[in-house]
N, C-alpha and C. Protein backbone atom coordinates (compact mmCIF):
# COMPACT_ATOMS: atom_id res chain seq x y z
N MET A 1 44.62 96.59 231.95
CA MET A 1 45.69 96.16 231.07
C MET A 1 45.31 96.31 229.60
N CYS A 2 44.21 96.99 229.39
CA CYS A 2 43.73 97.12 228.02
C CYS A 2 43.82 98.54 227.49
N THR A 3 43.33 99.51 228.25
CA THR A 3 43.34 100.90 227.80
C THR A 3 44.07 101.77 228.82
N VAL A 4 45.04 102.55 228.35
CA VAL A 4 45.82 103.43 229.22
C VAL A 4 45.82 104.82 228.61
N THR A 5 45.57 105.84 229.42
CA THR A 5 45.68 107.23 228.97
C THR A 5 46.69 107.97 229.83
N TYR A 6 47.34 108.94 229.20
CA TYR A 6 48.34 109.76 229.89
C TYR A 6 48.08 111.22 229.56
N ILE A 7 48.08 112.05 230.61
CA ILE A 7 47.89 113.49 230.47
C ILE A 7 49.01 114.20 231.22
N PRO A 8 49.89 114.96 230.55
CA PRO A 8 50.87 115.77 231.28
C PRO A 8 50.20 117.02 231.82
N LEU A 9 50.62 117.45 233.01
CA LEU A 9 50.02 118.62 233.65
C LEU A 9 51.02 119.76 233.80
N GLY A 10 52.14 119.68 233.10
CA GLY A 10 53.15 120.70 233.23
C GLY A 10 54.10 120.39 234.35
N ASP A 11 55.30 121.01 234.31
CA ASP A 11 56.35 120.74 235.30
C ASP A 11 56.60 119.23 235.36
N SER A 12 56.44 118.61 236.51
CA SER A 12 56.67 117.17 236.62
C SER A 12 55.39 116.45 237.04
N ASN A 13 54.25 117.00 236.64
CA ASN A 13 52.96 116.45 237.05
C ASN A 13 52.25 115.75 235.89
N PHE A 14 51.35 114.82 236.22
CA PHE A 14 50.67 114.05 235.18
C PHE A 14 49.50 113.29 235.79
N ILE A 15 48.66 112.74 234.89
CA ILE A 15 47.61 111.79 235.26
C ILE A 15 47.73 110.59 234.33
N LEU A 16 47.84 109.41 234.89
CA LEU A 16 47.82 108.18 234.10
C LEU A 16 46.67 107.32 234.61
N THR A 17 45.85 106.83 233.69
CA THR A 17 44.67 106.05 234.05
C THR A 17 44.64 104.77 233.24
N SER A 18 44.31 103.67 233.90
CA SER A 18 44.34 102.35 233.28
C SER A 18 43.05 101.59 233.53
N SER A 19 42.47 101.04 232.44
CA SER A 19 41.35 100.11 232.55
C SER A 19 41.91 98.69 232.44
N ARG A 20 41.55 97.83 233.38
CA ARG A 20 42.02 96.44 233.36
C ARG A 20 40.93 95.54 232.78
N ASP A 21 41.23 94.96 231.63
CA ASP A 21 40.28 94.08 230.94
C ASP A 21 40.82 92.66 230.94
N ILE A 22 40.15 91.76 231.63
CA ILE A 22 40.59 90.38 231.80
C ILE A 22 39.37 89.47 231.83
N PRO A 23 39.56 88.14 231.78
CA PRO A 23 38.42 87.24 231.95
C PRO A 23 37.76 87.46 233.31
N PHE A 24 36.43 87.44 233.34
CA PHE A 24 35.72 87.64 234.60
C PHE A 24 35.97 86.50 235.59
N SER A 25 36.45 85.37 235.08
CA SER A 25 36.71 84.22 235.95
C SER A 25 38.03 84.34 236.72
N ARG A 26 38.88 85.27 236.33
CA ARG A 26 40.17 85.41 237.02
C ARG A 26 39.95 85.85 238.46
N LYS A 27 40.75 85.33 239.37
CA LYS A 27 40.64 85.66 240.78
C LYS A 27 40.78 87.16 240.99
N LYS A 28 39.93 87.73 241.84
CA LYS A 28 39.93 89.18 242.07
C LYS A 28 41.27 89.67 242.62
N ALA A 29 41.62 90.87 242.21
CA ALA A 29 42.84 91.51 242.72
C ALA A 29 42.57 92.15 244.07
N GLU A 30 43.63 92.35 244.82
CA GLU A 30 43.55 93.11 246.07
C GLU A 30 43.61 94.59 245.76
N HIS A 31 42.88 95.38 246.53
CA HIS A 31 42.93 96.83 246.34
C HIS A 31 44.33 97.36 246.64
N PRO A 32 44.69 98.53 246.12
CA PRO A 32 46.05 99.04 246.30
C PRO A 32 46.44 99.20 247.76
N ALA A 33 47.70 98.91 248.03
CA ALA A 33 48.25 99.06 249.38
C ALA A 33 49.75 99.25 249.25
N MET A 34 50.34 99.81 250.30
CA MET A 34 51.79 99.99 250.33
C MET A 34 52.45 98.70 250.82
N LYS A 35 53.50 98.29 250.11
CA LYS A 35 54.27 97.11 250.49
C LYS A 35 55.74 97.47 250.43
N ILE A 36 56.52 96.93 251.35
CA ILE A 36 57.96 97.15 251.34
C ILE A 36 58.63 95.88 250.86
N GLU A 37 59.36 95.98 249.76
CA GLU A 37 60.03 94.85 249.17
C GLU A 37 61.48 95.23 248.89
N ASN A 38 62.41 94.47 249.45
CA ASN A 38 63.84 94.79 249.32
C ASN A 38 64.15 96.20 249.80
N GLY A 39 63.42 96.64 250.83
CA GLY A 39 63.65 97.96 251.39
C GLY A 39 63.06 99.10 250.58
N ILE A 40 62.28 98.79 249.55
CA ILE A 40 61.70 99.80 248.67
C ILE A 40 60.20 99.85 248.87
N GLU A 41 59.66 101.06 248.95
CA GLU A 41 58.22 101.22 249.12
C GLU A 41 57.52 101.15 247.77
N LEU A 42 56.54 100.26 247.68
CA LEU A 42 55.75 100.09 246.47
C LEU A 42 54.28 100.27 246.81
N TRP A 43 53.53 100.85 245.88
CA TRP A 43 52.07 100.98 246.03
C TRP A 43 51.44 100.39 244.78
N TYR A 44 50.63 99.35 244.96
CA TYR A 44 50.03 98.73 243.79
C TYR A 44 48.86 97.83 244.18
N PRO A 45 47.91 97.62 243.25
CA PRO A 45 46.89 96.58 243.44
C PRO A 45 47.52 95.24 243.09
N LYS A 46 47.30 94.24 243.91
CA LYS A 46 47.96 92.94 243.73
C LYS A 46 47.07 91.98 242.96
N ASP A 47 47.62 91.43 241.88
CA ASP A 47 46.89 90.45 241.08
C ASP A 47 46.56 89.22 241.91
N GLY A 48 45.32 88.75 241.82
CA GLY A 48 44.89 87.64 242.64
C GLY A 48 45.44 86.30 242.22
N LYS A 49 45.96 86.20 241.00
CA LYS A 49 46.44 84.91 240.50
C LYS A 49 47.94 84.75 240.67
N ALA A 50 48.73 85.68 240.12
CA ALA A 50 50.18 85.51 240.08
C ALA A 50 50.92 86.35 241.12
N GLY A 51 50.21 87.27 241.79
CA GLY A 51 50.85 88.06 242.84
C GLY A 51 51.61 89.28 242.36
N GLY A 52 51.60 89.51 241.05
CA GLY A 52 52.24 90.70 240.51
C GLY A 52 51.25 91.85 240.44
N THR A 53 51.48 92.75 239.51
CA THR A 53 50.57 93.88 239.33
C THR A 53 50.63 94.36 237.89
N TRP A 54 49.61 95.09 237.47
CA TRP A 54 49.58 95.69 236.15
C TRP A 54 49.82 97.20 236.24
N ILE A 55 49.81 97.76 237.45
CA ILE A 55 50.07 99.19 237.60
C ILE A 55 50.57 99.45 239.02
N GLY A 56 51.56 100.31 239.13
CA GLY A 56 52.06 100.63 240.46
C GLY A 56 53.07 101.77 240.41
N THR A 57 53.40 102.25 241.58
CA THR A 57 54.41 103.30 241.72
C THR A 57 55.31 102.96 242.89
N SER A 58 56.46 103.59 242.95
CA SER A 58 57.42 103.28 244.01
C SER A 58 58.17 104.54 244.43
N ASN A 59 58.90 104.42 245.54
CA ASN A 59 59.69 105.57 245.98
C ASN A 59 61.00 105.70 245.20
N LYS A 60 61.09 104.99 244.09
CA LYS A 60 62.15 105.22 243.11
C LYS A 60 61.72 106.29 242.11
N ASN A 61 60.63 107.02 242.44
CA ASN A 61 60.10 108.10 241.58
C ASN A 61 59.71 107.57 240.21
N ARG A 62 58.83 106.57 240.25
CA ARG A 62 58.49 105.89 239.00
C ARG A 62 57.09 105.30 239.07
N LEU A 63 56.42 105.31 237.93
CA LEU A 63 55.15 104.62 237.75
C LEU A 63 55.28 103.72 236.53
N ILE A 64 54.75 102.51 236.63
CA ILE A 64 54.77 101.58 235.50
C ILE A 64 53.38 100.98 235.33
N CYS A 65 52.93 100.94 234.08
CA CYS A 65 51.63 100.37 233.76
C CYS A 65 51.79 99.38 232.61
N LEU A 66 51.16 98.23 232.74
CA LEU A 66 51.29 97.12 231.79
C LEU A 66 50.06 97.00 230.89
N LEU A 67 50.33 96.74 229.61
CA LEU A 67 49.29 96.29 228.68
C LEU A 67 49.72 94.94 228.13
N ASN A 68 48.78 94.04 227.99
CA ASN A 68 49.09 92.75 227.39
C ASN A 68 49.32 92.93 225.89
N GLY A 69 50.31 92.22 225.35
CA GLY A 69 50.57 92.26 223.93
C GLY A 69 51.61 93.31 223.55
N GLY A 70 52.24 93.08 222.40
CA GLY A 70 53.23 94.01 221.89
C GLY A 70 52.65 94.89 220.80
N PHE A 71 53.29 94.86 219.62
CA PHE A 71 52.83 95.71 218.52
C PHE A 71 51.61 95.13 217.81
N GLU A 72 51.54 93.80 217.74
CA GLU A 72 50.48 93.14 216.99
C GLU A 72 49.88 92.01 217.80
N TYR A 73 48.73 91.52 217.35
CA TYR A 73 48.07 90.40 218.00
C TYR A 73 48.97 89.16 217.95
N HIS A 74 48.98 88.40 219.04
CA HIS A 74 49.71 87.13 219.06
C HIS A 74 48.86 86.08 219.75
N THR A 75 49.15 84.83 219.46
CA THR A 75 48.45 83.72 220.10
C THR A 75 49.25 83.28 221.32
N SER A 76 48.61 83.25 222.47
CA SER A 76 49.31 82.89 223.71
C SER A 76 49.65 81.41 223.73
N ARG A 77 50.80 81.09 224.31
CA ARG A 77 51.17 79.70 224.55
C ARG A 77 50.49 79.21 225.83
N GLU A 78 50.55 77.93 226.08
CA GLU A 78 49.94 77.36 227.28
C GLU A 78 50.63 77.83 228.55
N SER A 79 51.95 78.02 228.50
CA SER A 79 52.68 78.43 229.70
C SER A 79 53.87 79.30 229.34
N TYR A 80 54.26 80.12 230.32
CA TYR A 80 55.42 80.99 230.19
C TYR A 80 56.26 80.88 231.45
N THR A 81 57.50 81.35 231.38
CA THR A 81 58.42 81.17 232.50
C THR A 81 58.13 82.11 233.66
N LYS A 82 57.52 83.27 233.37
CA LYS A 82 57.32 84.27 234.42
C LYS A 82 56.15 85.17 234.09
N SER A 83 55.38 85.56 235.10
CA SER A 83 54.27 86.48 234.91
C SER A 83 54.77 87.87 234.56
N ARG A 84 54.08 88.52 233.64
CA ARG A 84 54.43 89.89 233.27
C ARG A 84 54.24 90.85 234.43
N GLY A 85 53.28 90.55 235.30
CA GLY A 85 53.05 91.41 236.46
C GLY A 85 54.20 91.42 237.43
N LEU A 86 54.97 90.34 237.47
CA LEU A 86 56.17 90.30 238.32
C LEU A 86 57.29 91.14 237.72
N ILE A 87 57.32 91.24 236.40
CA ILE A 87 58.29 92.11 235.72
C ILE A 87 58.04 93.56 236.10
N VAL A 88 56.76 93.95 236.19
CA VAL A 88 56.42 95.32 236.59
C VAL A 88 57.02 95.63 237.96
N LYS A 89 56.83 94.74 238.91
CA LYS A 89 57.36 94.95 240.26
C LYS A 89 58.88 95.02 240.25
N GLU A 90 59.51 94.17 239.47
CA GLU A 90 60.97 94.17 239.38
C GLU A 90 61.48 95.51 238.87
N LEU A 91 60.85 96.06 237.86
CA LEU A 91 61.29 97.32 237.28
C LEU A 91 60.94 98.52 238.16
N LEU A 92 59.88 98.42 238.93
CA LEU A 92 59.57 99.49 239.87
C LEU A 92 60.67 99.65 240.91
N LYS A 93 61.40 98.58 241.18
CA LYS A 93 62.45 98.60 242.21
C LYS A 93 63.83 98.93 241.65
N ALA A 94 63.96 99.05 240.33
CA ALA A 94 65.27 99.29 239.72
C ALA A 94 65.81 100.66 240.10
N ASP A 95 67.12 100.75 240.32
CA ASP A 95 67.74 102.04 240.63
C ASP A 95 67.67 102.99 239.44
N ASP A 96 67.87 102.46 238.25
CA ASP A 96 67.83 103.24 237.02
C ASP A 96 66.94 102.50 236.03
N ILE A 97 65.89 103.14 235.55
CA ILE A 97 64.91 102.42 234.74
C ILE A 97 65.50 101.99 233.40
N ARG A 98 66.32 102.80 232.78
CA ARG A 98 66.86 102.41 231.48
C ARG A 98 67.79 101.20 231.60
N LYS A 99 68.63 101.20 232.64
CA LYS A 99 69.49 100.04 232.86
C LYS A 99 68.64 98.82 233.22
N GLY A 100 67.58 99.05 233.99
CA GLY A 100 66.69 97.96 234.34
C GLY A 100 66.05 97.33 233.12
N LEU A 101 65.62 98.15 232.18
CA LEU A 101 65.01 97.64 230.96
C LEU A 101 66.03 96.89 230.11
N GLU A 102 67.26 97.36 230.10
CA GLU A 102 68.31 96.70 229.32
C GLU A 102 68.66 95.32 229.88
N THR A 103 68.65 95.19 231.19
CA THR A 103 69.15 93.96 231.82
C THR A 103 68.07 92.97 232.21
N VAL A 104 66.81 93.37 232.28
CA VAL A 104 65.76 92.45 232.72
C VAL A 104 65.66 91.26 231.76
N ASP A 105 65.59 90.07 232.31
CA ASP A 105 65.54 88.84 231.52
C ASP A 105 64.09 88.56 231.12
N LEU A 106 63.82 88.59 229.83
CA LEU A 106 62.46 88.38 229.34
C LEU A 106 62.33 87.12 228.50
N VAL A 107 63.32 86.28 228.51
CA VAL A 107 63.25 85.03 227.76
C VAL A 107 62.13 84.17 228.36
N GLY A 108 61.21 83.75 227.52
CA GLY A 108 60.10 82.94 227.99
C GLY A 108 58.96 83.72 228.59
N VAL A 109 58.99 85.07 228.49
CA VAL A 109 57.92 85.93 229.00
C VAL A 109 57.01 86.32 227.83
N GLU A 110 55.71 86.31 228.07
CA GLU A 110 54.76 86.65 227.01
C GLU A 110 54.89 88.12 226.61
N GLN A 111 54.53 88.43 225.39
CA GLN A 111 54.63 89.78 224.86
C GLN A 111 53.83 90.78 225.69
N PHE A 112 54.39 92.00 225.82
CA PHE A 112 53.71 93.04 226.59
C PHE A 112 54.22 94.41 226.21
N THR A 113 53.49 95.42 226.67
CA THR A 113 53.87 96.83 226.50
C THR A 113 53.83 97.49 227.87
N LEU A 114 54.83 98.32 228.15
CA LEU A 114 54.85 99.09 229.38
C LEU A 114 54.78 100.57 229.07
N THR A 115 53.93 101.28 229.80
CA THR A 115 53.98 102.74 229.84
C THR A 115 54.67 103.11 231.14
N ILE A 116 55.79 103.82 231.04
CA ILE A 116 56.63 104.13 232.20
C ILE A 116 56.74 105.64 232.36
N VAL A 117 56.45 106.13 233.56
CA VAL A 117 56.66 107.54 233.88
C VAL A 117 57.74 107.59 234.96
N ASP A 118 58.81 108.31 234.68
CA ASP A 118 59.94 108.40 235.61
C ASP A 118 60.27 109.87 235.84
N TRP A 119 60.39 110.28 237.10
CA TRP A 119 60.66 111.69 237.40
C TRP A 119 61.88 111.84 238.31
N ASN A 120 62.92 111.08 238.04
CA ASN A 120 64.14 111.19 238.83
C ASN A 120 64.99 112.40 238.44
N ARG A 121 65.04 112.70 237.17
CA ARG A 121 65.76 113.90 236.72
C ARG A 121 64.73 114.90 236.21
N THR A 122 64.26 114.65 235.02
CA THR A 122 63.12 115.40 234.50
C THR A 122 61.99 114.39 234.27
N LEU A 123 60.80 114.88 234.06
CA LEU A 123 59.68 113.98 233.80
C LEU A 123 59.87 113.32 232.45
N GLU A 124 59.93 111.98 232.45
CA GLU A 124 60.09 111.22 231.22
C GLU A 124 58.95 110.22 231.07
N LEU A 125 58.45 110.12 229.86
CA LEU A 125 57.44 109.12 229.52
C LEU A 125 58.06 108.16 228.53
N LEU A 126 58.14 106.89 228.90
CA LEU A 126 58.75 105.87 228.06
C LEU A 126 57.71 104.83 227.66
N GLU A 127 57.83 104.35 226.44
CA GLU A 127 57.07 103.20 226.00
C GLU A 127 58.07 102.07 225.76
N PHE A 128 57.81 100.93 226.41
CA PHE A 128 58.68 99.77 226.27
C PHE A 128 57.85 98.60 225.76
N VAL A 129 58.29 98.00 224.66
CA VAL A 129 57.57 96.87 224.08
C VAL A 129 58.50 95.65 224.01
N TRP A 130 58.00 94.55 224.53
CA TRP A 130 58.66 93.25 224.37
C TRP A 130 57.82 92.46 223.37
N ASP A 131 58.41 92.18 222.18
CA ASP A 131 57.65 91.51 221.12
C ASP A 131 57.84 89.99 221.11
N GLY A 132 58.45 89.49 222.18
CA GLY A 132 58.70 88.07 222.29
C GLY A 132 60.11 87.67 221.88
N ALA A 133 60.78 88.60 221.19
CA ALA A 133 62.15 88.32 220.75
C ALA A 133 63.08 89.50 220.99
N HIS A 134 62.54 90.71 220.88
CA HIS A 134 63.37 91.91 221.01
C HIS A 134 62.69 92.94 221.91
N LYS A 135 63.54 93.80 222.52
CA LYS A 135 63.08 94.90 223.33
C LYS A 135 63.08 96.18 222.50
N HIS A 136 62.05 97.00 222.69
CA HIS A 136 61.94 98.28 221.98
C HIS A 136 61.59 99.36 223.00
N THR A 137 62.46 100.37 223.13
CA THR A 137 62.23 101.46 224.07
C THR A 137 62.15 102.77 223.32
N GLN A 138 61.12 103.56 223.61
CA GLN A 138 60.92 104.84 222.94
C GLN A 138 60.60 105.91 223.96
N LEU A 139 61.29 107.05 223.87
CA LEU A 139 60.96 108.23 224.67
C LEU A 139 59.80 108.94 224.01
N MET A 140 58.70 109.08 224.74
CA MET A 140 57.49 109.67 224.19
C MET A 140 57.45 111.18 224.47
N THR A 141 56.73 111.90 223.64
CA THR A 141 56.57 113.33 223.83
C THR A 141 55.66 113.60 225.02
N GLN A 142 55.86 114.75 225.65
CA GLN A 142 55.02 115.14 226.79
C GLN A 142 53.74 115.79 226.28
N GLU A 143 52.86 114.92 225.80
CA GLU A 143 51.53 115.32 225.37
C GLU A 143 50.58 114.18 225.68
N ALA A 144 49.31 114.38 225.44
CA ALA A 144 48.33 113.35 225.74
C ALA A 144 48.52 112.13 224.85
N HIS A 145 48.41 110.94 225.45
CA HIS A 145 48.55 109.68 224.71
C HIS A 145 47.49 108.69 225.18
N ILE A 146 47.14 107.77 224.29
CA ILE A 146 46.28 106.65 224.65
C ILE A 146 46.85 105.38 224.03
N TRP A 147 46.84 104.30 224.80
CA TRP A 147 47.27 102.99 224.33
C TRP A 147 46.10 102.02 224.47
N SER A 148 45.96 101.11 223.51
CA SER A 148 44.97 100.03 223.59
C SER A 148 45.69 98.71 223.30
N SER A 149 45.35 97.69 224.05
CA SER A 149 46.05 96.41 223.96
C SER A 149 45.90 95.77 222.58
N SER A 150 47.03 95.29 222.06
CA SER A 150 47.01 94.62 220.75
C SER A 150 46.35 93.26 220.80
N THR A 151 46.19 92.71 221.99
CA THR A 151 45.52 91.41 222.10
C THR A 151 44.01 91.53 221.98
N LEU A 152 43.49 92.75 222.07
CA LEU A 152 42.04 92.95 222.04
C LEU A 152 41.57 93.82 220.89
N TYR A 153 42.43 94.68 220.34
CA TYR A 153 41.98 95.64 219.35
C TYR A 153 42.93 95.70 218.16
N ASP A 154 42.36 95.74 216.96
CA ASP A 154 43.18 95.88 215.76
C ASP A 154 43.47 97.36 215.52
N ALA A 155 44.21 97.62 214.45
CA ALA A 155 44.67 98.99 214.18
C ALA A 155 43.51 99.96 213.97
N SER A 156 42.44 99.50 213.32
CA SER A 156 41.32 100.40 213.04
C SER A 156 40.61 100.82 214.33
N VAL A 157 40.43 99.88 215.27
CA VAL A 157 39.78 100.21 216.53
C VAL A 157 40.70 101.06 217.40
N LYS A 158 42.00 100.79 217.36
CA LYS A 158 42.95 101.64 218.09
C LYS A 158 42.84 103.08 217.62
N GLN A 159 42.72 103.28 216.30
CA GLN A 159 42.60 104.64 215.77
C GLN A 159 41.27 105.26 216.18
N LEU A 160 40.21 104.47 216.17
CA LEU A 160 38.91 104.97 216.61
C LEU A 160 38.98 105.46 218.04
N ARG A 161 39.66 104.72 218.90
CA ARG A 161 39.79 105.12 220.29
C ARG A 161 40.64 106.39 220.44
N LYS A 162 41.66 106.53 219.59
CA LYS A 162 42.45 107.77 219.59
C LYS A 162 41.56 108.96 219.22
N ASP A 163 40.66 108.75 218.29
CA ASP A 163 39.74 109.81 217.90
C ASP A 163 38.80 110.18 219.06
N TRP A 164 38.29 109.17 219.77
CA TRP A 164 37.44 109.44 220.94
C TRP A 164 38.20 110.28 221.96
N PHE A 165 39.46 109.90 222.18
CA PHE A 165 40.29 110.57 223.18
C PHE A 165 40.54 112.03 222.80
N ALA A 166 40.87 112.26 221.54
CA ALA A 166 41.11 113.63 221.07
C ALA A 166 39.87 114.50 221.23
N THR A 167 38.70 113.94 220.90
CA THR A 167 37.46 114.68 221.05
C THR A 167 37.16 114.96 222.52
N TRP A 168 37.38 113.98 223.36
CA TRP A 168 37.14 114.13 224.80
C TRP A 168 37.99 115.26 225.37
N LEU A 169 39.25 115.33 224.97
CA LEU A 169 40.14 116.36 225.50
C LEU A 169 39.72 117.76 225.08
N LYS A 170 39.09 117.87 223.92
CA LYS A 170 38.60 119.17 223.48
C LYS A 170 37.39 119.64 224.29
N ASP A 171 36.60 118.68 224.76
CA ASP A 171 35.32 119.01 225.39
C ASP A 171 35.33 118.93 226.91
N ASN A 172 36.44 118.50 227.51
CA ASN A 172 36.48 118.29 228.96
C ASN A 172 37.76 118.84 229.57
N GLU A 173 37.73 119.05 230.87
CA GLU A 173 38.91 119.51 231.59
C GLU A 173 39.89 118.34 231.76
N LYS A 174 41.16 118.67 231.97
CA LYS A 174 42.18 117.64 232.18
C LYS A 174 42.38 117.41 233.68
N THR A 175 41.35 116.82 234.29
CA THR A 175 41.42 116.50 235.70
C THR A 175 41.34 114.99 235.87
N GLN A 176 41.67 114.52 237.08
CA GLN A 176 41.60 113.09 237.33
C GLN A 176 40.16 112.58 237.20
N GLN A 177 39.20 113.35 237.69
CA GLN A 177 37.81 112.94 237.59
C GLN A 177 37.35 112.87 236.14
N ASP A 178 37.82 113.80 235.31
CA ASP A 178 37.46 113.76 233.90
C ASP A 178 38.07 112.54 233.21
N MET A 179 39.29 112.18 233.59
CA MET A 179 39.90 111.01 232.96
C MET A 179 39.22 109.72 233.42
N LEU A 180 38.81 109.67 234.67
CA LEU A 180 38.03 108.52 235.12
C LEU A 180 36.70 108.44 234.35
N ALA A 181 36.10 109.60 234.10
CA ALA A 181 34.85 109.62 233.33
C ALA A 181 35.07 109.12 231.91
N PHE A 182 36.21 109.49 231.30
CA PHE A 182 36.52 108.99 229.96
C PHE A 182 36.58 107.47 229.95
N HIS A 183 37.25 106.90 230.94
CA HIS A 183 37.39 105.44 230.99
C HIS A 183 36.06 104.76 231.28
N HIS A 184 35.10 105.49 231.82
CA HIS A 184 33.77 104.94 232.03
C HIS A 184 32.87 105.11 230.80
N ASP A 185 32.96 106.25 230.14
CA ASP A 185 31.91 106.66 229.22
C ASP A 185 32.28 106.68 227.74
N ALA A 186 33.57 106.70 227.40
CA ALA A 186 33.95 106.89 226.01
C ALA A 186 33.58 105.68 225.16
N GLY A 187 33.05 105.96 223.97
CA GLY A 187 32.70 104.89 223.06
C GLY A 187 31.50 105.25 222.20
N ILE A 188 30.93 104.23 221.58
CA ILE A 188 29.80 104.44 220.68
C ILE A 188 28.60 103.58 221.09
N GLY A 189 28.62 103.10 222.34
CA GLY A 189 27.53 102.25 222.79
C GLY A 189 27.68 100.80 222.39
N ASP A 190 28.89 100.41 222.00
CA ASP A 190 29.19 99.02 221.63
C ASP A 190 30.13 98.46 222.68
N ALA A 191 29.61 97.63 223.58
CA ALA A 191 30.41 97.12 224.70
C ALA A 191 31.59 96.28 224.26
N TYR A 192 31.61 95.86 223.00
CA TYR A 192 32.72 95.06 222.49
C TYR A 192 33.98 95.90 222.30
N ILE A 193 33.81 97.19 222.00
CA ILE A 193 34.98 98.04 221.74
C ILE A 193 35.02 99.30 222.59
N ASP A 194 33.93 99.63 223.31
CA ASP A 194 33.96 100.82 224.17
C ASP A 194 35.07 100.70 225.20
N VAL A 195 35.49 101.83 225.77
CA VAL A 195 36.58 101.79 226.75
C VAL A 195 36.18 100.97 227.97
N LEU A 196 34.96 101.13 228.46
CA LEU A 196 34.44 100.24 229.49
C LEU A 196 33.86 99.04 228.75
N MET A 197 34.64 97.98 228.66
CA MET A 197 34.38 96.89 227.74
C MET A 197 33.75 95.67 228.42
N ASN A 198 32.87 94.98 227.66
CA ASN A 198 32.27 93.74 228.15
C ASN A 198 32.04 92.83 226.95
N ARG A 199 32.74 91.69 226.94
CA ARG A 199 32.58 90.73 225.86
C ARG A 199 32.00 89.41 226.35
N GLY A 200 31.23 89.47 227.42
CA GLY A 200 30.57 88.30 227.92
C GLY A 200 31.42 87.49 228.88
N MET A 201 32.47 86.89 228.40
CA MET A 201 33.38 86.10 229.23
C MET A 201 34.42 86.96 229.92
N GLY A 202 34.59 88.17 229.44
CA GLY A 202 35.58 89.06 230.03
C GLY A 202 35.30 90.51 229.70
N GLY A 203 35.99 91.39 230.38
CA GLY A 203 35.80 92.81 230.15
C GLY A 203 36.51 93.62 231.22
N THR A 204 36.10 94.87 231.38
CA THR A 204 36.74 95.76 232.34
C THR A 204 36.35 95.38 233.76
N VAL A 205 37.34 95.04 234.57
CA VAL A 205 37.07 94.67 235.97
C VAL A 205 37.46 95.76 236.95
N SER A 206 38.35 96.67 236.53
CA SER A 206 38.74 97.76 237.43
C SER A 206 39.33 98.90 236.62
N ILE A 207 39.32 100.08 237.22
CA ILE A 207 39.97 101.27 236.66
C ILE A 207 40.86 101.85 237.74
N THR A 208 42.10 102.13 237.39
CA THR A 208 43.06 102.73 238.32
C THR A 208 43.57 104.03 237.74
N SER A 209 43.54 105.09 238.51
CA SER A 209 44.06 106.38 238.05
C SER A 209 45.08 106.89 239.06
N ILE A 210 46.22 107.35 238.54
CA ILE A 210 47.28 107.88 239.39
C ILE A 210 47.62 109.30 238.93
N GLU A 211 47.46 110.23 239.85
CA GLU A 211 47.77 111.64 239.57
C GLU A 211 48.94 112.08 240.43
N LYS A 212 49.94 112.66 239.79
CA LYS A 212 51.05 113.29 240.51
C LYS A 212 50.89 114.79 240.36
N LYS A 213 50.71 115.49 241.50
CA LYS A 213 50.44 116.92 241.45
C LYS A 213 50.77 117.54 242.79
N GLU A 214 51.43 118.68 242.76
CA GLU A 214 51.73 119.46 243.96
C GLU A 214 52.42 118.62 245.03
N GLY A 215 53.38 117.82 244.61
CA GLY A 215 54.21 117.08 245.56
C GLY A 215 53.58 115.85 246.17
N ARG A 216 52.43 115.41 245.63
CA ARG A 216 51.82 114.20 246.16
C ARG A 216 51.29 113.34 245.02
N ILE A 217 51.09 112.07 245.33
CA ILE A 217 50.53 111.13 244.37
C ILE A 217 49.19 110.66 244.91
N HIS A 218 48.18 110.75 244.08
CA HIS A 218 46.82 110.34 244.45
C HIS A 218 46.41 109.17 243.56
N MET A 219 46.22 108.01 244.17
CA MET A 219 45.81 106.82 243.44
C MET A 219 44.35 106.50 243.75
N VAL A 220 43.55 106.34 242.69
CA VAL A 220 42.15 105.97 242.82
C VAL A 220 41.96 104.62 242.14
N TYR A 221 41.32 103.69 242.86
CA TYR A 221 41.08 102.35 242.33
C TYR A 221 39.60 102.03 242.46
N GLU A 222 38.98 101.63 241.35
CA GLU A 222 37.56 101.28 241.37
C GLU A 222 37.34 99.86 240.89
N ASP A 223 36.67 99.06 241.71
CA ASP A 223 36.22 97.73 241.32
C ASP A 223 34.90 97.91 240.58
N ILE A 224 34.86 97.55 239.31
CA ILE A 224 33.68 97.82 238.49
C ILE A 224 32.47 97.02 238.96
N ALA A 225 32.65 95.76 239.31
CA ALA A 225 31.53 94.91 239.70
C ALA A 225 30.87 95.37 240.99
N THR A 226 31.68 95.71 241.98
CA THR A 226 31.14 96.09 243.29
C THR A 226 30.97 97.58 243.46
N LYS A 227 31.58 98.36 242.55
CA LYS A 227 31.60 99.83 242.61
C LYS A 227 32.35 100.34 243.85
N GLU A 228 33.12 99.47 244.48
CA GLU A 228 33.93 99.87 245.64
C GLU A 228 35.13 100.67 245.16
N ILE A 229 35.39 101.79 245.83
CA ILE A 229 36.50 102.67 245.46
C ILE A 229 37.48 102.80 246.61
N SER A 230 38.76 102.64 246.30
CA SER A 230 39.83 102.87 247.28
C SER A 230 40.67 104.04 246.82
N GLU A 231 41.12 104.86 247.76
CA GLU A 231 42.00 105.97 247.44
C GLU A 231 43.25 105.90 248.32
N VAL A 232 44.39 106.12 247.70
CA VAL A 232 45.67 106.14 248.39
C VAL A 232 46.35 107.46 248.09
N ILE A 233 46.80 108.15 249.13
CA ILE A 233 47.55 109.40 248.94
C ILE A 233 48.97 109.19 249.41
N ILE A 234 49.92 109.45 248.53
CA ILE A 234 51.34 109.24 248.80
C ILE A 234 52.02 110.59 248.76
N SER A 235 52.60 111.01 249.84
CA SER A 235 53.27 112.31 249.89
C SER A 235 54.73 112.17 249.48
């Protein structure tokens, strides 16, 4: 929920990879699995606390990935009406993503950013930000992008990470394994801001990569602490 990268592969193919940075004390998530909800097939790792997810895909031809925070740093309240991870599941099941974003009730929901890939008509990359009061939806260009959570990084560190990403793309192939390597290795040797982050009480607990290519979806999930890897192939 902290660092997300997106690589278009031409036609309707792409790679999206997410590093989840949370307190180490949070209950462990379940590895990705297929679940049927309201007659819709969903594939996602299940959050151990609230039962939602920070990344998933569905047979509505859609992938959604969550980052905590909106445009700027905010101070969290003690409680909110609904988990952001449940919003992800709700939108994965929407018949039309734009209508879903317009109608979803976010009153009392903490600020967040969604990276949405939808391939129902043409391949679309959307950025959706809830700033606590207003919704902001932007159609993104089909080029490489990186997002870093506003709850963890200021503008200068976000730019530094963009620079790392640009350099990485010049020196490496655009494959799923290369993007997983970026999420493991990119940085300057400072665990406080490196992509694989550790701040003592919290840091990167898992990396999830989803590749859509040649008519199939390949999801790779790695538990950082145990080094256990799960792979899901969706045809």
